[in-house]
Amino acid sequence: DVFVADLAAALTALATDPKRAAGWGARAGGGPSSTSRG
């Protein structure tokens, strides 16, 4: 129940703030963050 609630909270966070994930795919190819590796 805690796992499902935590999963739902993560999905809700993205649904309520879709800009939060902007650029994640691009950063995945360049390293953990665009500031740490250019």
PDB file of all heavy atoms in Angstrom:
ATOM      1  N   ASP A   1       0.824  -1.216   0.000  1.00  0.00           N
ATOM      2  CA  ASP A   1       0.000   0.000   0.000  1.00  0.00           C
ATOM      3  C   ASP A   1       0.857   1.263   0.000  1.00  0.00           C
ATOM      4  O   ASP A   1       0.542   2.235  -0.687  1.00  0.00           O
ATOM      5  CB  ASP A   1      -0.956   0.011   1.202  1.00  0.00           C
ATOM      6  CG  ASP A   1      -2.033  -1.059   1.092  1.00  0.00           C
ATOM      7  OD1 ASP A   1      -2.295  -1.533  -0.038  1.00  0.00           O
ATOM      8  OD2 ASP A   1      -2.613  -1.416   2.134  1.00  0.00           O
ATOM      9  N   VAL A   2       1.959   1.245   0.761  1.00  0.00           N
ATOM     10  CA  VAL A   2       2.863   2.401   0.781  1.00  0.00           C
ATOM     11  C   VAL A   2       3.524   2.555  -0.583  1.00  0.00           C
ATOM     12  O   VAL A   2       3.635   3.667  -1.112  1.00  0.00           O
ATOM     13  CB  VAL A   2       3.916   2.258   1.900  1.00  0.00           C
ATOM     14  CG1 VAL A   2       4.999   3.326   1.781  1.00  0.00           C
ATOM     15  CG2 VAL A   2       3.247   2.323   3.274  1.00  0.00           C
ATOM     16  N   PHE A   3       3.968   1.441  -1.182  1.00  0.00           N
ATOM     17  CA  PHE A   3       4.599   1.493  -2.494  1.00  0.00           C
ATOM     18  C   PHE A   3       3.644   2.072  -3.541  1.00  0.00           C
ATOM     19  O   PHE A   3       4.011   2.956  -4.311  1.00  0.00           O
ATOM     20  CB  PHE A   3       5.086   0.102  -2.906  1.00  0.00           C
ATOM     21  CG  PHE A   3       5.627   0.047  -4.311  1.00  0.00           C
ATOM     22  CD1 PHE A   3       6.725   0.802  -4.687  1.00  0.00           C
ATOM     23  CD2 PHE A   3       5.033  -0.760  -5.264  1.00  0.00           C
ATOM     24  CE1 PHE A   3       7.217   0.759  -5.979  1.00  0.00           C
ATOM     25  CE2 PHE A   3       5.519  -0.822  -6.565  1.00  0.00           C
ATOM     26  CZ  PHE A   3       6.620  -0.062  -6.917  1.00  0.00           C
ATOM     27  N   VAL A   4       2.412   1.597  -3.561  1.00  0.00           N
ATOM     28  CA  VAL A   4       1.414   2.098  -4.517  1.00  0.00           C
ATOM     29  C   VAL A   4       1.139   3.581  -4.272  1.00  0.00           C
ATOM     30  O   VAL A   4       1.039   4.369  -5.217  1.00  0.00           O
ATOM     31  CB  VAL A   4       0.126   1.255  -4.453  1.00  0.00           C
ATOM     32  CG1 VAL A   4      -1.001   1.904  -5.243  1.00  0.00           C
ATOM     33  CG2 VAL A   4       0.391  -0.153  -4.975  1.00  0.00           C
ATOM     34  N   ALA A   5       1.055   3.976  -3.013  1.00  0.00           N
ATOM     35  CA  ALA A   5       0.818   5.396  -2.691  1.00  0.00           C
ATOM     36  C   ALA A   5       1.992   6.263  -3.142  1.00  0.00           C
ATOM     37  O   ALA A   5       1.795   7.357  -3.681  1.00  0.00           O
ATOM     38  CB  ALA A   5       0.573   5.565  -1.192  1.00  0.00           C
ATOM     39  N   ASP A   6       3.217   5.772  -2.942  1.00  0.00           N
ATOM     40  CA  ASP A   6       4.395   6.525  -3.386  1.00  0.00           C
ATOM     41  C   ASP A   6       4.450   6.628  -4.906  1.00  0.00           C
ATOM     42  O   ASP A   6       4.807   7.675  -5.459  1.00  0.00           O
ATOM     43  CB  ASP A   6       5.675   5.878  -2.859  1.00  0.00           C
ATOM     44  CG  ASP A   6       5.863   6.052  -1.359  1.00  0.00           C
ATOM     45  OD1 ASP A   6       5.171   6.905  -0.754  1.00  0.00           O
ATOM     46  OD2 ASP A   6       6.708   5.328  -0.791  1.00  0.00           O
ATOM     47  N   LEU A   7       4.083   5.552  -5.586  1.00  0.00           N
ATOM     48  CA  LEU A   7       4.043   5.567  -7.048  1.00  0.00           C
ATOM     49  C   LEU A   7       2.994   6.565  -7.530  1.00  0.00           C
ATOM     50  O   LEU A   7       3.250   7.370  -8.434  1.00  0.00           O
ATOM     51  CB  LEU A   7       3.747   4.167  -7.581  1.00  0.00           C
ATOM     52  CG  LEU A   7       3.703   3.985  -9.093  1.00  0.00           C
ATOM     53  CD1 LEU A   7       5.037   4.319  -9.718  1.00  0.00           C
ATOM     54  CD2 LEU A   7       3.312   2.553  -9.424  1.00  0.00           C
ATOM     55  N   ALA A   8       1.820   6.541  -6.919  1.00  0.00           N
ATOM     56  CA  ALA A   8       0.753   7.486  -7.279  1.00  0.00           C
ATOM     57  C   ALA A   8       1.197   8.921  -7.027  1.00  0.00           C
ATOM     58  O   ALA A   8       0.909   9.813  -7.830  1.00  0.00           O
ATOM     59  CB  ALA A   8      -0.517   7.168  -6.491  1.00  0.00           C
ATOM     60  N   ALA A   9       1.910   9.162  -5.945  1.00  0.00           N
ATOM     61  CA  ALA A   9       2.386  10.516  -5.635  1.00  0.00           C
ATOM     62  C   ALA A   9       3.371  11.003  -6.700  1.00  0.00           C
ATOM     63  O   ALA A   9       3.329  12.174  -7.116  1.00  0.00           O
ATOM     64  CB  ALA A   9       3.034  10.552  -4.249  1.00  0.00           C
ATOM     65  N   ALA A  10       4.258  10.121  -7.159  1.00  0.00           N
ATOM     66  CA  ALA A  10       5.216  10.506  -8.203  1.00  0.00           C
ATOM     67  C   ALA A  10       4.498  10.844  -9.504  1.00  0.00           C
ATOM     68  O   ALA A  10       4.812  11.839 -10.170  1.00  0.00           O
ATOM     69  CB  ALA A  10       6.231   9.390  -8.426  1.00  0.00           C
ATOM     70  N   LEU A  11       3.506  10.031  -9.869  1.00  0.00           N
ATOM     71  CA  LEU A  11       2.744  10.297 -11.095  1.00  0.00           C
ATOM     72  C   LEU A  11       1.928  11.579 -10.958  1.00  0.00           C
ATOM     73  O   LEU A  11       1.821  12.363 -11.908  1.00  0.00           O
ATOM     74  CB  LEU A  11       1.849   9.107 -11.431  1.00  0.00           C
ATOM     75  CG  LEU A  11       2.604   7.855 -11.848  1.00  0.00           C
ATOM     76  CD1 LEU A  11       1.675   6.657 -11.910  1.00  0.00           C
ATOM     77  CD2 LEU A  11       3.309   8.060 -13.168  1.00  0.00           C
ATOM     78  N   THR A  12       1.368  11.816  -9.791  1.00  0.00           N
ATOM     79  CA  THR A  12       0.612  13.044  -9.554  1.00  0.00           C
ATOM     80  C   THR A  12       1.528  14.256  -9.651  1.00  0.00           C
ATOM     81  O   THR A  12       1.143  15.286 -10.204  1.00  0.00           O
ATOM     82  CB  THR A  12      -0.080  12.991  -8.170  1.00  0.00           C
ATOM     83  OG1 THR A  12      -0.965  11.871  -8.159  1.00  0.00           O
ATOM     84  CG2 THR A  12      -0.850  14.262  -7.887  1.00  0.00           C
ATOM     85  N   ALA A  13       2.752  14.130  -9.142  1.00  0.00           N
ATOM     86  CA  ALA A  13       3.711  15.240  -9.222  1.00  0.00           C
ATOM     87  C   ALA A  13       3.975  15.620 -10.677  1.00  0.00           C
ATOM     88  O   ALA A  13       4.032  16.805 -11.017  1.00  0.00           O
ATOM     89  CB  ALA A  13       5.016  14.863  -8.521  1.00  0.00           C
ATOM     90  N   LEU A  14       4.113  14.621 -11.546  1.00  0.00           N
ATOM     91  CA  LEU A  14       4.329  14.915 -12.965  1.00  0.00           C
ATOM     92  C   LEU A  14       3.071  15.478 -13.617  1.00  0.00           C
ATOM     93  O   LEU A  14       3.144  16.371 -14.456  1.00  0.00           O
ATOM     94  CB  LEU A  14       4.781  13.670 -13.716  1.00  0.00           C
ATOM     95  CG  LEU A  14       6.227  13.275 -13.535  1.00  0.00           C
ATOM     96  CD1 LEU A  14       6.539  12.027 -14.348  1.00  0.00           C
ATOM     97  CD2 LEU A  14       7.165  14.389 -13.921  1.00  0.00           C
ATOM     98  N   ALA A  15       1.918  14.950 -13.237  1.00  0.00           N
ATOM     99  CA  ALA A  15       0.662  15.408 -13.841  1.00  0.00           C
ATOM    100  C   ALA A  15       0.355  16.854 -13.456  1.00  0.00           C
ATOM    101  O   ALA A  15      -0.185  17.609 -14.259  1.00  0.00           O
ATOM    102  CB  ALA A  15      -0.488  14.498 -13.414  1.00  0.00           C
ATOM    103  N   THR A  16       0.716  17.238 -12.243  1.00  0.00           N
ATOM    104  CA  THR A  16       0.417  18.598 -11.789  1.00  0.00           C
ATOM    105  C   THR A  16       1.514  19.585 -12.155  1.00  0.00           C
ATOM    106  O   THR A  16       1.290  20.787 -12.096  1.00  0.00           O
ATOM    107  CB  THR A  16       0.188  18.627 -10.259  1.00  0.00           C
ATOM    108  OG1 THR A  16       1.337  18.096  -9.606  1.00  0.00           O
ATOM    109  CG2 THR A  16      -1.041  17.812  -9.889  1.00  0.00           C
ATOM    110  N   ASP A  17       2.690  19.096 -12.529  1.00  0.00           N
ATOM    111  CA  ASP A  17       3.794  19.975 -12.915  1.00  0.00           C
ATOM    112  C   ASP A  17       4.542  19.358 -14.090  1.00  0.00           C
ATOM    113  O   ASP A  17       5.667  18.880 -13.952  1.00  0.00           O
ATOM    114  CB  ASP A  17       4.740  20.187 -11.729  1.00  0.00           C
ATOM    115  CG  ASP A  17       5.853  21.177 -12.029  1.00  0.00           C
ATOM    116  OD1 ASP A  17       5.798  21.868 -13.074  1.00  0.00           O
ATOM    117  OD2 ASP A  17       6.798  21.254 -11.221  1.00  0.00           O
ATOM    118  N   PRO A  18       3.903  19.332 -15.285  1.00  0.00           N
ATOM    119  CA  PRO A  18       4.525  18.661 -16.433  1.00  0.00           C
ATOM    120  C   PRO A  18       5.859  19.274 -16.863  1.00  0.00           C
ATOM    121  O   PRO A  18       6.682  18.592 -17.452  1.00  0.00           O
ATOM    122  CB  PRO A  18       3.474  18.785 -17.541  1.00  0.00           C
ATOM    123  CG  PRO A  18       2.521  19.828 -17.097  1.00  0.00           C
ATOM    124  CD  PRO A  18       2.608  19.909 -15.603  1.00  0.00           C
ATOM    125  N   LYS A  19       6.104  20.536 -16.547  1.00  0.00           N
ATOM    126  CA  LYS A  19       7.378  21.156 -16.910  1.00  0.00           C
ATOM    127  C   LYS A  19       8.542  20.558 -16.120  1.00  0.00           C
ATOM    128  O   LYS A  19       9.691  20.700 -16.505  1.00  0.00           O
ATOM    129  CB  LYS A  19       7.317  22.662 -16.685  1.00  0.00           C
ATOM    130  CG  LYS A  19       6.404  23.358 -17.657  1.00  0.00           C
ATOM    131  CD  LYS A  19       6.404  24.844 -17.428  1.00  0.00           C
ATOM    132  CE  LYS A  19       5.438  25.516 -18.390  1.00  0.00           C
ATOM    133  NZ  LYS A  19       5.373  26.947 -18.175  1.00  0.00           N
ATOM    134  N   ARG A  20       8.216  19.895 -15.009  1.00  0.00           N
ATOM    135  CA  ARG A  20       9.242  19.288 -14.172  1.00  0.00           C
ATOM    136  C   ARG A  20      10.107  18.316 -14.962  1.00  0.00           C
ATOM    137  O   ARG A  20      11.309  18.208 -14.741  1.00  0.00           O
ATOM    138  CB  ARG A  20       8.576  18.573 -12.997  1.00  0.00           C
ATOM    139  CG  ARG A  20       9.532  17.927 -12.054  1.00  0.00           C
ATOM    140  CD  ARG A  20       8.804  17.347 -10.874  1.00  0.00           C
ATOM    141  NE  ARG A  20       9.769  16.883  -9.911  1.00  0.00           N
ATOM    142  CZ  ARG A  20       9.467  16.322  -8.776  1.00  0.00           C
ATOM    143  NH1 ARG A  20       8.203  16.175  -8.444  1.00  0.00           N
ATOM    144  NH2 ARG A  20      10.384  15.916  -7.956  1.00  0.00           N
ATOM    145  N   ALA A  21       9.508  17.596 -15.896  1.00  0.00           N
ATOM    146  CA  ALA A  21      10.228  16.581 -16.661  1.00  0.00           C
ATOM    147  C   ALA A  21      10.862  17.127 -17.928  1.00  0.00           C
ATOM    148  O   ALA A  21      11.535  16.389 -18.632  1.00  0.00           O
ATOM    149  CB  ALA A  21       9.279  15.440 -17.010  1.00  0.00           C
ATOM    150  N   ALA A  22      10.677  18.403 -18.219  1.00  0.00           N
ATOM    151  CA  ALA A  22      11.218  18.975 -19.452  1.00  0.00           C
ATOM    152  C   ALA A  22      12.735  18.769 -19.516  1.00  0.00           C
ATOM    153  O   ALA A  22      13.459  19.118 -18.603  1.00  0.00           O
ATOM    154  CB  ALA A  22      10.882  20.458 -19.544  1.00  0.00           C
ATOM    155  N   GLY A  23      13.173  18.155 -20.584  1.00  0.00           N
ATOM    156  CA  GLY A  23      14.599  17.976 -20.791  1.00  0.00           C
ATOM    157  C   GLY A  23      15.193  16.731 -20.159  1.00  0.00           C
ATOM    158  O   GLY A  23      16.365  16.475 -20.310  1.00  0.00           O
ATOM    159  N   TRP A  24      14.389  15.944 -19.440  1.00  0.00           N
ATOM    160  CA  TRP A  24      14.955  14.752 -18.818  1.00  0.00           C
ATOM    161  C   TRP A  24      15.584  13.845 -19.845  1.00  0.00           C
ATOM    162  O   TRP A  24      16.666  13.325 -19.636  1.00  0.00           O
ATOM    163  CB  TRP A  24      13.901  13.981 -18.037  1.00  0.00           C
ATOM    164  CG  TRP A  24      13.613  14.535 -16.691  1.00  0.00           C
ATOM    165  CD1 TRP A  24      14.241  15.585 -16.074  1.00  0.00           C
ATOM    166  CD2 TRP A  24      12.611  14.094 -15.780  1.00  0.00           C
ATOM    167  NE1 TRP A  24      13.682  15.811 -14.846  1.00  0.00           N
ATOM    168  CE2 TRP A  24      12.687  14.913 -14.634  1.00  0.00           C
ATOM    169  CE3 TRP A  24      11.663  13.096 -15.825  1.00  0.00           C
ATOM    170  CZ2 TRP A  24      11.848  14.744 -13.548  1.00  0.00           C
ATOM    171  CZ3 TRP A  24      10.826  12.931 -14.735  1.00  0.00           C
ATOM    172  CH2 TRP A  24      10.924  13.742 -13.607  1.00  0.00           C
ATOM    173  N   GLY A  25      14.925  13.623 -20.963  1.00  0.00           N
ATOM    174  CA  GLY A  25      15.484  12.746 -21.993  1.00  0.00           C
ATOM    175  C   GLY A  25      16.793  13.276 -22.529  1.00  0.00           C
ATOM    176  O   GLY A  25      17.743  12.539 -22.719  1.00  0.00           O
ATOM    177  N   ALA A  26      16.866  14.581 -22.730  1.00  0.00           N
ATOM    178  CA  ALA A  26      18.099  15.184 -23.231  1.00  0.00           C
ATOM    179  C   ALA A  26      19.211  15.053 -22.201  1.00  0.00           C
ATOM    180  O   ALA A  26      20.343  14.726 -22.522  1.00  0.00           O
ATOM    181  CB  ALA A  26      17.864  16.655 -23.569  1.00  0.00           C
ATOM    182  N   ARG A  27      18.900  15.281 -20.926  1.00  0.00           N
ATOM    183  CA  ARG A  27      19.918  15.165 -19.878  1.00  0.00           C
ATOM    184  C   ARG A  27      20.384  13.732 -19.721  1.00  0.00           C
ATOM    185  O   ARG A  27      21.529  13.488 -19.370  1.00  0.00           O
ATOM    186  CB  ARG A  27      19.386  15.712 -18.554  1.00  0.00           C
ATOM    187  CG  ARG A  27      19.371  17.223 -18.516  1.00  0.00           C
ATOM    188  CD  ARG A  27      19.234  17.731 -17.112  1.00  0.00           C
ATOM    189  NE  ARG A  27      17.964  17.369 -16.499  1.00  0.00           N
ATOM    190  CZ  ARG A  27      16.847  18.066 -16.597  1.00  0.00           C
ATOM    191  NH1 ARG A  27      16.816  19.161 -17.331  1.00  0.00           N
ATOM    192  NH2 ARG A  27      15.747  17.682 -15.987  1.00  0.00           N
ATOM    193  N   ALA A  28      19.493  12.776 -19.984  1.00  0.00           N
ATOM    194  CA  ALA A  28      19.879  11.372 -19.842  1.00  0.00           C
ATOM    195  C   ALA A  28      21.014  11.025 -20.796  1.00  0.00           C
ATOM    196  O   ALA A  28      21.866  10.225 -20.475  1.00  0.00           O
ATOM    197  CB  ALA A  28      18.682  10.456 -20.101  1.00  0.00           C
ATOM    198  N   GLY A  29      21.036  11.654 -21.960  1.00  0.00           N
ATOM    199  CA  GLY A  29      22.086  11.380 -22.923  1.00  0.00           C
ATOM    200  C   GLY A  29      23.360  12.140 -22.645  1.00  0.00           C
ATOM    201  O   GLY A  29      24.424  11.766 -23.096  1.00  0.00           O
ATOM    202  N   GLY A  30      23.276  13.204 -21.859  1.00  0.00           N
ATOM    203  CA  GLY A  30      24.452  14.020 -21.615  1.00  0.00           C
ATOM    204  C   GLY A  30      24.993  13.885 -20.219  1.00  0.00           C
ATOM    205  O   GLY A  30      25.943  14.541 -19.851  1.00  0.00           O
ATOM    206  N   GLY A  31      24.404  13.046 -19.408  1.00  0.00           N
ATOM    207  CA  GLY A  31      24.868  12.879 -18.045  1.00  0.00           C
ATOM    208  C   GLY A  31      23.780  13.268 -17.082  1.00  0.00           C
ATOM    209  O   GLY A  31      22.676  13.625 -17.479  1.00  0.00           O
ATOM    210  N   PRO A  32      24.048  13.218 -15.794  1.00  0.00           N
ATOM    211  CA  PRO A  32      23.020  13.475 -14.800  1.00  0.00           C
ATOM    212  C   PRO A  32      22.386  14.854 -14.865  1.00  0.00           C
ATOM    213  O   PRO A  32      21.243  15.010 -14.515  1.00  0.00           O
ATOM    214  CB  PRO A  32      23.752  13.275 -13.471  1.00  0.00           C
ATOM    215  CG  PRO A  32      24.933  12.451 -13.807  1.00  0.00           C
ATOM    216  CD  PRO A  32      25.284  12.777 -15.215  1.00  0.00           C
ATOM    217  N   SER A  33      23.108  15.845 -15.295  1.00  0.00           N
ATOM    218  CA  SER A  33      22.487  17.161 -15.428  1.00  0.00           C
ATOM    219  C   SER A  33      23.241  17.973 -16.455  1.00  0.00           C
ATOM    220  O   SER A  33      24.422  17.769 -16.670  1.00  0.00           O
ATOM    221  CB  SER A  33      22.464  17.906 -14.091  1.00  0.00           C
ATOM    222  OG  SER A  33      23.739  18.383 -13.780  1.00  0.00           O
ATOM    223  N   SER A  34      22.542  18.911 -17.049  1.00  0.00           N
ATOM    224  CA  SER A  34      23.184  19.705 -18.097  1.00  0.00           C
ATOM    225  C   SER A  34      24.239  20.630 -17.505  1.00  0.00           C
ATOM    226  O   SER A  34      25.134  21.063 -18.199  1.00  0.00           O
ATOM    227  CB  SER A  34      22.136  20.512 -18.858  1.00  0.00           C
ATOM    228  OG  SER A  34      21.450  21.374 -17.981  1.00  0.00           O
ATOM    229  N   THR A  35      24.169  20.928 -16.222  1.00  0.00           N
ATOM    230  CA  THR A  35      25.159  21.823 -15.627  1.00  0.00           C
ATOM    231  C   THR A  35      26.418  21.096 -15.202  1.00  0.00           C
ATOM    232  O   THR A  35      27.478  21.676 -15.154  1.00  0.00           O
ATOM    233  CB  THR A  35      24.566  22.549 -14.406  1.00  0.00           C
ATOM    234  OG1 THR A  35      24.105  21.562 -13.482  1.00  0.00           O
ATOM    235  CG2 THR A  35      23.443  23.464 -14.807  1.00  0.00           C
ATOM    236  N   SER A  36      26.324  19.793 -14.925  1.00  0.00           N
ATOM    237  CA  SER A  36      27.494  19.082 -14.420  1.00  0.00           C
ATOM    238  C   SER A  36      28.457  18.658 -15.528  1.00  0.00           C
ATOM    239  O   SER A  36      29.625  18.492 -15.273  1.00  0.00           O
ATOM    240  CB  SER A  36      27.071  17.846 -13.623  1.00  0.00           C
ATOM    241  OG  SER A  36      26.454  16.903 -14.469  1.00  0.00           O
ATOM    242  N   ARG A  37      27.960  18.485 -16.754  1.00  0.00           N
ATOM    243  CA  ARG A  37      28.838  18.005 -17.825  1.00  0.00           C
ATOM    244  C   ARG A  37      28.705  18.825 -19.100  1.00  0.00           C
ATOM    245  O   ARG A  37      28.932  18.313 -20.178  1.00  0.00           O
ATOM    246  CB  ARG A  37      28.521  16.552 -18.134  1.00  0.00           C
ATOM    247  CG  ARG A  37      28.809  15.642 -16.988  1.00  0.00           C
ATOM    248  CD  ARG A  37      28.641  14.228 -17.403  1.00  0.00           C
ATOM    249  NE  ARG A  37      28.811  13.363 -16.250  1.00  0.00           N
ATOM    250  CZ  ARG A  37      28.687  12.082 -16.285  1.00  0.00           C
ATOM    251  NH1 ARG A  37      28.395  11.473 -17.400  1.00  0.00           N
ATOM    252  NH2 ARG A  37      28.850  11.363 -15.208  1.00  0.00           N
ATOM    253  N   GLY A  38      28.319  20.052 -19.008  1.00  0.00           N
ATOM    254  CA  GLY A  38      28.131  20.847 -20.204  1.00  0.00           C
ATOM    255  C   GLY A  38      26.762  20.623 -20.790  1.00  0.00           C
ATOM    256  O   GLY A  38      25.985  19.827 -20.305  1.00  0.00           O
TER     257      GLY A  38
END
